[in-house]
């Protein structure tokens, strides 16, 4: 594979202080092993990462911000997801 045709990989790093992976950036690599090695060199210079995920960009699908109304409106009619209408006893002070 020609270096100019290497796929684009999205890099996610889990830090020592975190429980979730965070998107750090993108890089080109010939395969997933090379992407992990390059991500380690580029995004974890100070030994702060404990886990690296690499995902080839072509496998990521995202919603469009223009579709947010139709995508999120169906959740607004599910009142059970927002339990603001419950009466709590006065003894409950730590909620």
C-alpha atoms as a PDB file:
ATOM      1  CA  UNK A   1       0.000   0.000   0.000  1.00  0.00           C
ATOM      2  CA  UNK A   2       1.342   3.399  -0.998  1.00  0.00           C
ATOM      3  CA  UNK A   3       2.022   5.740   1.926  1.00  0.00           C
ATOM      4  CA  UNK A   4      -0.251   8.349   0.337  1.00  0.00           C
ATOM      5  CA  UNK A   5      -3.164   5.903   0.478  1.00  0.00           C
ATOM      6  CA  UNK A   6      -2.903   4.921   4.145  1.00  0.00           C
ATOM      7  CA  UNK A   7      -6.295   5.068   5.857  1.00  0.00           C
ATOM      8  CA  UNK A   8      -7.183   7.685   8.451  1.00  0.00           C
ATOM      9  CA  UNK A   9      -7.546   6.423  12.044  1.00  0.00           C
ATOM     10  CA  UNK A  10      -9.349   8.132  14.929  1.00  0.00           C
ATOM     11  CA  UNK A  11      -7.462   7.879  18.218  1.00  0.00           C
ATOM     12  CA  UNK A  12      -9.062   7.471  21.647  1.00  0.00           C
ATOM     13  CA  UNK A  13      -6.952   7.452  24.828  1.00  0.00           C
ATOM     14  CA  UNK A  14      -7.931   6.503  28.362  1.00  0.00           C
ATOM     15  CA  UNK A  15      -5.891   8.426  30.902  1.00  0.00           C
ATOM     16  CA  UNK A  16      -4.800   7.145  34.296  1.00  0.00           C
ATOM     17  CA  UNK A  17      -7.309   9.459  35.982  1.00  0.00           C
ATOM     18  CA  UNK A  18     -10.264   8.650  33.721  1.00  0.00           C
ATOM     19  CA  UNK A  19     -12.670   5.790  33.252  1.00  0.00           C
ATOM     20  CA  UNK A  20     -13.550   6.592  29.669  1.00  0.00           C
ATOM     21  CA  UNK A  21     -11.618   6.979  26.447  1.00  0.00           C
ATOM     22  CA  UNK A  22     -11.445  10.469  24.930  1.00  0.00           C
ATOM     23  CA  UNK A  23     -10.932  11.373  21.313  1.00  0.00           C
ATOM     24  CA  UNK A  24      -7.434  12.784  20.922  1.00  0.00           C
ATOM     25  CA  UNK A  25      -7.140  13.243  17.185  1.00  0.00           C
ATOM     26  CA  UNK A  26      -6.485  11.457  13.922  1.00  0.00           C
ATOM     27  CA  UNK A  27      -3.526   9.994  12.096  1.00  0.00           C
ATOM     28  CA  UNK A  28      -2.717   7.983   8.990  1.00  0.00           C
ATOM     29  CA  UNK A  29      -1.291   4.461   9.316  1.00  0.00           C
ATOM     30  CA  UNK A  30      -1.038   1.350   7.177  1.00  0.00           C
ATOM     31  CA  UNK A  31      -2.900  -0.896   9.670  1.00  0.00           C
ATOM     32  CA  UNK A  32      -4.292  -0.973  13.211  1.00  0.00           C
ATOM     33  CA  UNK A  33      -1.024  -2.081  14.821  1.00  0.00           C
ATOM     34  CA  UNK A  34       0.872   0.791  13.228  1.00  0.00           C
ATOM     35  CA  UNK A  35      -1.952   3.155  14.250  1.00  0.00           C
ATOM     36  CA  UNK A  36      -1.617   2.061  17.904  1.00  0.00           C
ATOM     37  CA  UNK A  37       2.170   2.476  17.835  1.00  0.00           C
ATOM     38  CA  UNK A  38       1.943   5.895  16.197  1.00  0.00           C
ATOM     39  CA  UNK A  39      -0.842   6.980  18.579  1.00  0.00           C
ATOM     40  CA  UNK A  40       1.322   5.976  21.536  1.00  0.00           C
ATOM     41  CA  UNK A  41       4.206   8.057  20.175  1.00  0.00           C
ATOM     42  CA  UNK A  42       2.098  11.079  19.259  1.00  0.00           C
ATOM     43  CA  UNK A  43      -0.584  11.253  21.964  1.00  0.00           C
ATOM     44  CA  UNK A  44       0.981   9.693  25.098  1.00  0.00           C
ATOM     45  CA  UNK A  45       4.385  11.333  25.298  1.00  0.00           C
ATOM     46  CA  UNK A  46       4.287  11.728  29.067  1.00  0.00           C
ATOM     47  CA  UNK A  47       3.172   8.165  29.827  1.00  0.00           C
ATOM     48  CA  UNK A  48      -0.306   9.374  30.809  1.00  0.00           C
ATOM     49  CA  UNK A  49      -2.340   6.779  28.923  1.00  0.00           C
ATOM     50  CA  UNK A  50      -3.415   3.320  30.073  1.00  0.00           C
ATOM     51  CA  UNK A  51      -5.379   2.255  26.991  1.00  0.00           C
ATOM     52  CA  UNK A  52      -5.500   3.226  23.319  1.00  0.00           C
ATOM     53  CA  UNK A  53      -8.360   2.609  20.916  1.00  0.00           C
ATOM     54  CA  UNK A  54      -7.915   3.130  17.172  1.00  0.00           C
ATOM     55  CA  UNK A  55     -10.890   3.142  14.821  1.00  0.00           C
ATOM     56  CA  UNK A  56     -10.602   3.492  11.091  1.00  0.00           C
ATOM     57  CA  UNK A  57     -12.473   6.694  10.227  1.00  0.00           C
ATOM     58  CA  UNK A  58     -14.524   5.067   7.485  1.00  0.00           C
ATOM     59  CA  UNK A  59     -16.232   2.931  10.145  1.00  0.00           C
ATOM     60  CA  UNK A  60     -17.568   5.913  12.120  1.00  0.00           C
ATOM     61  CA  UNK A  61     -21.036   7.183  11.366  1.00  0.00           C
ATOM     62  CA  UNK A  62     -22.261  10.422  12.897  1.00  0.00           C
ATOM     63  CA  UNK A  63     -25.546  12.221  13.010  1.00  0.00           C
ATOM     64  CA  UNK A  64     -25.860  15.612  11.393  1.00  0.00           C
ATOM     65  CA  UNK A  65     -26.381  18.653  13.622  1.00  0.00           C
ATOM     66  CA  UNK A  66     -29.122  19.698  11.194  1.00  0.00           C
ATOM     67  CA  UNK A  67     -31.083  16.560  12.162  1.00  0.00           C
ATOM     68  CA  UNK A  68     -30.967  17.195  15.924  1.00  0.00           C
ATOM     69  CA  UNK A  69     -34.635  18.160  16.215  1.00  0.00           C
ATOM     70  CA  UNK A  70     -35.962  15.009  14.586  1.00  0.00           C
ATOM     71  CA  UNK A  71     -33.360  12.839  16.316  1.00  0.00           C
ATOM     72  CA  UNK A  72     -33.933  14.046  19.887  1.00  0.00           C
ATOM     73  CA  UNK A  73     -37.588  15.124  19.864  1.00  0.00           C
ATOM     74  CA  UNK A  74     -38.941  11.595  20.435  1.00  0.00           C
ATOM     75  CA  UNK A  75     -37.290  11.551  23.885  1.00  0.00           C
ATOM     76  CA  UNK A  76     -39.202  14.624  25.057  1.00  0.00           C
ATOM     77  CA  UNK A  77     -42.510  12.748  25.294  1.00  0.00           C
ATOM     78  CA  UNK A  78     -41.101  10.125  27.684  1.00  0.00           C
ATOM     79  CA  UNK A  79     -41.812  11.819  31.003  1.00  0.00           C
ATOM     80  CA  UNK A  80     -40.597   8.805  32.972  1.00  0.00           C
ATOM     81  CA  UNK A  81     -37.051   9.719  31.937  1.00  0.00           C
ATOM     82  CA  UNK A  82     -37.352  12.991  33.851  1.00  0.00           C
ATOM     83  CA  UNK A  83     -38.716  12.062  37.296  1.00  0.00           C
ATOM     84  CA  UNK A  84     -39.379  15.621  38.448  1.00  0.00           C
ATOM     85  CA  UNK A  85     -43.006  14.955  39.395  1.00  0.00           C
ATOM     86  CA  UNK A  86     -42.366  12.576  42.320  1.00  0.00           C
ATOM     87  CA  UNK A  87     -43.080  13.741  45.861  1.00  0.00           C
ATOM     88  CA  UNK A  88     -40.198  12.879  48.178  1.00  0.00           C
ATOM     89  CA  UNK A  89     -40.532  12.478  51.938  1.00  0.00           C
ATOM     90  CA  UNK A  90     -38.963  15.201  54.059  1.00  0.00           C
ATOM     91  CA  UNK A  91     -36.654  12.593  55.647  1.00  0.00           C
ATOM     92  CA  UNK A  92     -34.724  12.335  52.393  1.00  0.00           C
ATOM     93  CA  UNK A  93     -32.174  15.103  52.661  1.00  0.00           C
ATOM     94  CA  UNK A  94     -29.299  13.828  50.504  1.00  0.00           C
ATOM     95  CA  UNK A  95     -30.999  13.641  47.133  1.00  0.00           C
END
